[in-house]
N, C-alpha and C. Protein backbone atom coordinates (compact mmCIF):
# COMPACT_ATOMS: atom_id res chain seq x y z
N UNK A 1 6.30 5.60 -9.19
CA UNK A 1 5.31 4.75 -8.70
C UNK A 1 3.99 5.56 -8.57
N UNK A 2 4.13 6.82 -8.52
CA UNK A 2 2.75 7.66 -8.02
C UNK A 2 2.17 8.02 -9.52
N UNK A 3 3.59 7.61 -10.51
CA UNK A 3 3.24 7.42 -12.01
C UNK A 3 1.78 6.40 -12.49
N UNK A 4 2.40 5.36 -12.44
CA UNK A 4 1.59 4.29 -11.76
C UNK A 4 0.44 4.38 -11.41
N UNK A 5 0.16 4.48 -10.02
CA UNK A 5 -0.93 5.57 -9.20
C UNK A 5 -2.01 6.12 -10.14
N UNK A 6 -1.29 6.68 -11.55
CA UNK A 6 -2.44 8.14 -11.87
C UNK A 6 -2.81 6.78 -12.80
N UNK A 7 -1.86 6.26 -13.78
CA UNK A 7 -2.60 5.18 -14.71
C UNK A 7 -3.42 4.50 -14.09
N UNK A 8 -3.05 4.04 -13.60
CA UNK A 8 -4.64 2.88 -12.41
C UNK A 8 -5.92 3.68 -12.29
N UNK A 9 -5.71 4.75 -11.92
CA UNK A 9 -6.62 5.36 -12.23
C UNK A 9 -7.35 6.45 -13.07
N UNK A 10 -6.86 6.41 -14.74
CA UNK A 10 -6.90 6.36 -15.23
C UNK A 10 -8.14 5.76 -16.10
N UNK A 11 -7.01 4.07 -16.09
CA UNK A 11 -7.72 3.14 -16.75
C UNK A 11 -9.36 2.78 -15.84
N UNK A 12 -9.28 3.31 -14.66
CA UNK A 12 -10.34 3.45 -14.04
C UNK A 12 -11.49 3.60 -14.78
N UNK A 13 -11.34 5.36 -14.66
CA UNK A 13 -12.60 6.25 -15.49
C UNK A 13 -13.15 6.03 -16.54
N UNK A 14 -11.98 5.35 -17.44
CA UNK A 14 -11.93 5.92 -18.96
C UNK A 14 -12.75 3.89 -19.59
N UNK A 15 -12.49 2.77 -18.71
CA UNK A 15 -12.92 1.52 -19.27
C UNK A 15 -14.30 1.49 -19.30
N UNK A 16 -15.03 0.46 -19.55
CA UNK A 16 -16.39 0.32 -19.56
C UNK A 16 -16.69 -0.31 -17.68
N UNK A 17 -17.78 -0.23 -17.30
CA UNK A 17 -18.54 -0.99 -16.10
C UNK A 17 -18.35 -2.06 -15.93
N UNK A 18 -18.08 -2.91 -16.76
CA UNK A 18 -18.13 -4.43 -16.56
C UNK A 18 -16.69 -5.02 -15.41
N UNK A 19 -15.73 -4.24 -15.32
CA UNK A 19 -15.28 -4.43 -14.59
C UNK A 19 -13.97 -3.65 -13.16
N UNK A 20 -15.26 -2.50 -13.50
CA UNK A 20 -14.35 -1.11 -13.03
C UNK A 20 -14.48 -1.60 -11.59
N UNK A 21 -15.29 -2.14 -10.64
CA UNK A 21 -14.86 -2.56 -9.08
C UNK A 21 -13.95 -3.10 -9.05
N UNK A 22 -13.35 -3.93 -9.87
CA UNK A 22 -11.83 -5.17 -9.65
C UNK A 22 -11.03 -4.19 -9.98
N UNK A 23 -11.07 -2.80 -10.97
CA UNK A 23 -10.20 -1.89 -10.91
C UNK A 23 -9.58 -0.74 -10.10
N UNK A 24 -10.94 -0.26 -9.65
CA UNK A 24 -10.69 0.20 -8.17
C UNK A 24 -10.19 -0.59 -7.08
N UNK A 25 -10.91 -1.74 -7.09
CA UNK A 25 -9.64 -2.96 -5.99
C UNK A 25 -8.11 -2.06 -5.79
N UNK A 26 -8.14 -3.10 -7.42
CA UNK A 26 -6.15 -2.72 -7.64
C UNK A 26 -6.06 -1.59 -7.99
N UNK A 27 -6.33 -0.73 -7.54
CA UNK A 27 -5.64 1.06 -7.86
C UNK A 27 -6.22 1.13 -6.07
N UNK A 28 -6.83 0.88 -4.99
CA UNK A 28 -6.53 1.20 -4.10
C UNK A 28 -5.90 -0.24 -3.57
N UNK A 29 -5.17 -1.33 -3.85
CA UNK A 29 -4.13 -1.53 -3.00
C UNK A 29 -2.98 -1.58 -3.56
N UNK A 30 -2.72 -0.88 -5.02
CA UNK A 30 -1.36 -0.39 -5.48
C UNK A 30 -1.30 1.09 -4.47
N UNK A 31 -2.45 1.89 -4.17
CA UNK A 31 -2.23 3.43 -2.96
C UNK A 31 -1.80 2.49 -1.88
N UNK A 32 -2.50 1.68 -1.02
CA UNK A 32 -1.88 1.09 -0.06
C UNK A 32 -1.27 0.43 0.49
N UNK A 33 -0.28 -0.54 -0.65
CA UNK A 33 1.03 -0.57 -1.00
C UNK A 33 2.15 0.18 -0.83
N UNK A 34 2.09 1.31 -1.81
CA UNK A 34 3.01 2.40 -1.72
C UNK A 34 2.98 2.97 -0.57
N UNK A 35 1.80 3.58 0.18
CA UNK A 35 1.71 3.84 1.30
C UNK A 35 2.37 3.24 2.60
N UNK A 36 2.44 2.23 2.42
CA UNK A 36 3.10 1.19 3.16
C UNK A 36 4.40 1.30 3.01
N UNK A 37 5.09 1.37 2.10
CA UNK A 37 6.30 1.37 1.39
C UNK A 37 6.38 2.43 1.65
N UNK A 38 6.16 3.68 1.56
CA UNK A 38 6.72 4.76 1.79
C UNK A 38 7.20 4.72 3.38
N UNK A 39 6.15 4.26 3.77
CA UNK A 39 6.34 4.90 5.80
C UNK A 39 7.75 3.43 5.96
N UNK A 40 7.79 2.17 5.14
CA UNK A 40 8.91 1.75 5.39
C UNK A 40 10.05 2.38 5.70
N UNK A 41 10.08 2.84 4.26
CA UNK A 41 11.24 3.50 3.87
C UNK A 41 11.70 4.86 5.04
N UNK A 42 10.66 5.38 5.36
CA UNK A 42 11.14 6.71 6.64
C UNK A 42 11.73 6.27 8.25
N UNK A 43 10.39 4.64 7.97
CA UNK A 43 10.90 4.65 9.80
C UNK A 43 12.60 3.88 9.73
N UNK A 44 12.57 3.31 8.48
CA UNK A 44 13.95 2.82 8.12
C UNK A 44 15.48 4.13 8.44
N UNK A 45 15.06 5.29 7.93
CA UNK A 45 15.85 6.48 8.01
C UNK A 45 15.47 6.79 9.93
N UNK A 46 13.83 6.65 10.27
CA UNK A 46 14.27 6.78 11.88
C UNK A 46 15.01 6.23 12.77
N UNK A 47 15.18 5.15 12.21
CA UNK A 47 15.53 4.49 13.01
C UNK A 47 17.46 4.12 13.12
N UNK A 48 17.66 4.32 12.01
CA UNK A 48 19.13 4.07 11.43
C UNK A 48 20.16 5.56 11.45
N UNK A 49 18.91 6.16 10.45
CA UNK A 49 19.68 7.65 10.42
C UNK A 49 20.57 7.74 9.09
N UNK A 50 20.74 8.87 8.69
CA UNK A 50 21.57 8.58 7.65
C UNK A 50 22.76 9.58 7.62
N UNK A 51 24.31 8.85 8.18
CA UNK A 51 25.08 9.32 8.62
C UNK A 51 25.31 10.73 7.36
N UNK A 52 25.08 10.72 6.38
CA UNK A 52 25.84 11.27 4.89
C UNK A 52 24.93 12.67 5.07
N UNK A 53 23.68 12.61 5.15
CA UNK A 53 22.86 13.84 5.65
C UNK A 53 22.47 14.39 6.97
N UNK A 54 23.44 14.12 7.80
CA UNK A 54 24.01 13.85 9.02
C UNK A 54 22.40 13.61 10.21
N UNK A 55 21.84 13.16 9.46
CA UNK A 55 20.26 12.36 10.44
C UNK A 55 20.43 11.76 11.43
N UNK A 56 20.64 12.20 12.53
CA UNK A 56 20.53 10.79 13.64
C UNK A 56 19.54 10.36 14.09
N UNK A 57 19.57 9.19 14.17
CA UNK A 57 18.84 7.90 14.65
C UNK A 57 17.63 8.65 15.75
N UNK A 58 16.07 8.54 15.57
CA UNK A 58 15.69 9.23 16.39
C UNK A 58 15.08 7.84 18.00
N UNK A 59 15.13 7.10 17.32
CA UNK A 59 14.46 5.93 17.93
C UNK A 59 15.25 5.25 19.53
N UNK A 60 16.08 5.88 19.96
CA UNK A 60 17.29 5.71 20.98
C UNK A 60 16.51 7.04 21.78
N UNK A 61 16.61 7.92 21.35
CA UNK A 61 15.33 9.54 21.89
C UNK A 61 14.11 9.29 22.31
N UNK A 62 13.38 8.65 21.68
CA UNK A 62 12.15 8.47 21.46
C UNK A 62 11.34 6.73 20.89
N UNK A 63 11.95 5.94 22.09
CA UNK A 63 11.70 4.87 21.74
C UNK A 63 9.98 4.47 21.38
N UNK A 64 8.78 4.49 22.34
CA UNK A 64 7.71 4.74 22.21
C UNK A 64 7.11 5.31 21.32
N UNK A 65 8.13 6.03 20.10
CA UNK A 65 7.43 6.41 18.65
C UNK A 65 7.23 5.52 17.57
N UNK A 66 8.91 5.06 17.88
CA UNK A 66 9.10 4.24 16.82
C UNK A 66 8.08 2.57 17.43
N UNK A 67 8.35 2.33 18.81
CA UNK A 67 7.18 0.97 18.93
C UNK A 67 6.05 1.57 18.01
N UNK A 68 5.39 2.05 18.45
CA UNK A 68 3.91 2.82 17.62
C UNK A 68 4.02 2.72 16.19
N UNK A 69 5.21 3.64 15.45
CA UNK A 69 5.26 3.39 13.94
C UNK A 69 5.35 1.76 13.75
N UNK A 70 6.00 1.15 13.73
CA UNK A 70 6.34 0.28 13.75
C UNK A 70 4.73 -0.47 13.50
N UNK A 71 4.17 -0.75 14.84
CA UNK A 71 2.97 -1.19 14.77
C UNK A 71 1.85 -0.69 13.55
N UNK A 72 1.92 0.75 13.33
CA UNK A 72 0.88 0.84 12.13
C UNK A 72 1.67 0.62 11.09
N UNK A 73 2.76 0.78 10.88
CA UNK A 73 3.20 -0.03 9.77
C UNK A 73 3.23 -1.43 9.54
N UNK A 74 3.39 -2.19 10.10
CA UNK A 74 2.24 -3.73 10.49
C UNK A 74 1.05 -3.42 10.07
N UNK A 75 0.41 -3.31 10.81
CA UNK A 75 -0.97 -3.17 10.37
C UNK A 75 -1.44 -2.84 9.36
N UNK A 76 -0.63 -1.72 8.61
CA UNK A 76 -1.10 -0.86 6.92
C UNK A 76 -0.37 -2.49 6.08
N UNK A 77 0.67 -3.48 6.38
CA UNK A 77 0.93 -3.87 5.43
C UNK A 77 -0.24 -5.73 5.80
N UNK A 78 -0.26 -5.56 7.07
CA UNK A 78 -1.72 -6.72 6.92
C UNK A 78 -2.89 -6.08 6.06
N UNK A 79 -3.26 -5.14 6.68
CA UNK A 79 -3.90 -4.14 5.64
C UNK A 79 -4.26 -4.62 4.04
N UNK A 80 -2.86 -4.25 3.37
CA UNK A 80 -2.58 -4.86 2.26
C UNK A 80 -2.72 -5.83 1.93
N UNK A 81 -2.26 -7.21 2.68
CA UNK A 81 -2.42 -8.19 2.82
C UNK A 81 -4.33 -8.82 2.19
N UNK A 82 -4.79 -8.31 3.45
CA UNK A 82 -6.09 -8.55 3.19
C UNK A 82 -6.62 -7.89 1.92
N UNK A 83 -6.57 -7.07 1.55
CA UNK A 83 -6.85 -6.22 0.41
C UNK A 83 -6.75 -6.78 -0.41
N UNK A 84 -5.68 -7.77 -1.12
CA UNK A 84 -4.91 -8.38 -1.86
C UNK A 84 -6.08 -9.46 -2.17
N UNK A 85 -5.97 -10.57 -0.70
CA UNK A 85 -6.91 -11.75 -0.17
C UNK A 85 -8.36 -11.12 -1.28
N UNK A 86 -9.20 -9.65 -1.06
CA UNK A 86 -10.78 -9.25 -1.77
C UNK A 86 -10.16 -9.23 -2.63
N UNK A 87 -8.83 -8.63 -3.01
CA UNK A 87 -9.00 -8.77 -4.90
C UNK A 87 -8.96 -10.00 -5.70
N UNK A 88 -8.73 -10.74 -5.10
CA UNK A 88 -8.38 -12.47 -5.55
C UNK A 88 -9.78 -12.84 -5.49
N UNK A 89 -10.66 -12.72 -4.38
CA UNK A 89 -11.94 -12.92 -4.15
C UNK A 89 -12.47 -12.54 -5.51
N UNK A 90 -12.72 -11.18 -5.27
CA UNK A 90 -13.80 -10.43 -6.46
C UNK A 90 -13.63 -10.72 -7.67
N UNK A 91 -12.36 -10.90 -8.28
CA UNK A 91 -11.33 -11.61 -9.41
C UNK A 91 -12.01 -13.58 -10.41
N UNK A 92 -12.05 -14.03 -8.97
CA UNK A 92 -12.75 -15.17 -9.00
C UNK A 92 -14.50 -15.49 -9.38
N UNK A 93 -14.88 -14.26 -8.13
CA UNK A 93 -16.14 -14.42 -8.16
C UNK A 93 -16.58 -13.70 -9.45
N UNK A 94 -16.26 -12.72 -10.43
CA UNK A 94 -16.49 -12.11 -11.19
C UNK A 94 -16.27 -13.04 -12.97
N UNK A 95 -15.11 -13.71 -11.97
CA UNK A 95 -14.49 -15.10 -13.21
C UNK A 95 -16.00 -15.73 -13.79
N UNK A 96 -16.16 -16.05 -12.51
CA UNK A 96 -16.95 -17.77 -12.16
C UNK A 96 -18.47 -16.90 -13.03
N UNK A 97 -19.32 -16.25 -12.78
CA UNK A 97 -19.93 -15.73 -13.17
C UNK A 97 -19.80 -15.11 -14.53
N UNK A 98 -18.89 -14.77 -15.46
CA UNK A 98 -18.44 -14.27 -16.69
C UNK A 98 -18.66 -15.82 -17.10
N UNK A 99 -18.17 -17.19 -16.36
CA UNK A 99 -17.70 -17.90 -17.54
C UNK A 99 -19.55 -19.21 -17.17
N UNK A 100 -19.95 -18.25 -16.54
CA UNK A 100 -21.44 -19.58 -16.52
C UNK A 100 -22.50 -18.97 -17.91
């Protein structure tokens, strides 16, 4: 996933300025969604543990920490959704300016 994000940053820097804002928004969305997915993966590991690696679940010991972590992950996914909506609005605005 990091390679894909690097290639997105590369296309933002090397393309003409006409659609640079849209590409920056897409790169930001990719980074935000990647971070939210990684946080979800680690939260699942903290909640259920991994018996093969001898990692015990920690939510039974630190329940308030897990609640706050879950709310933070929810907020990051809401942020991803809002940024995706903003990307769509930007694309429609740019498309309408080009078609006029």
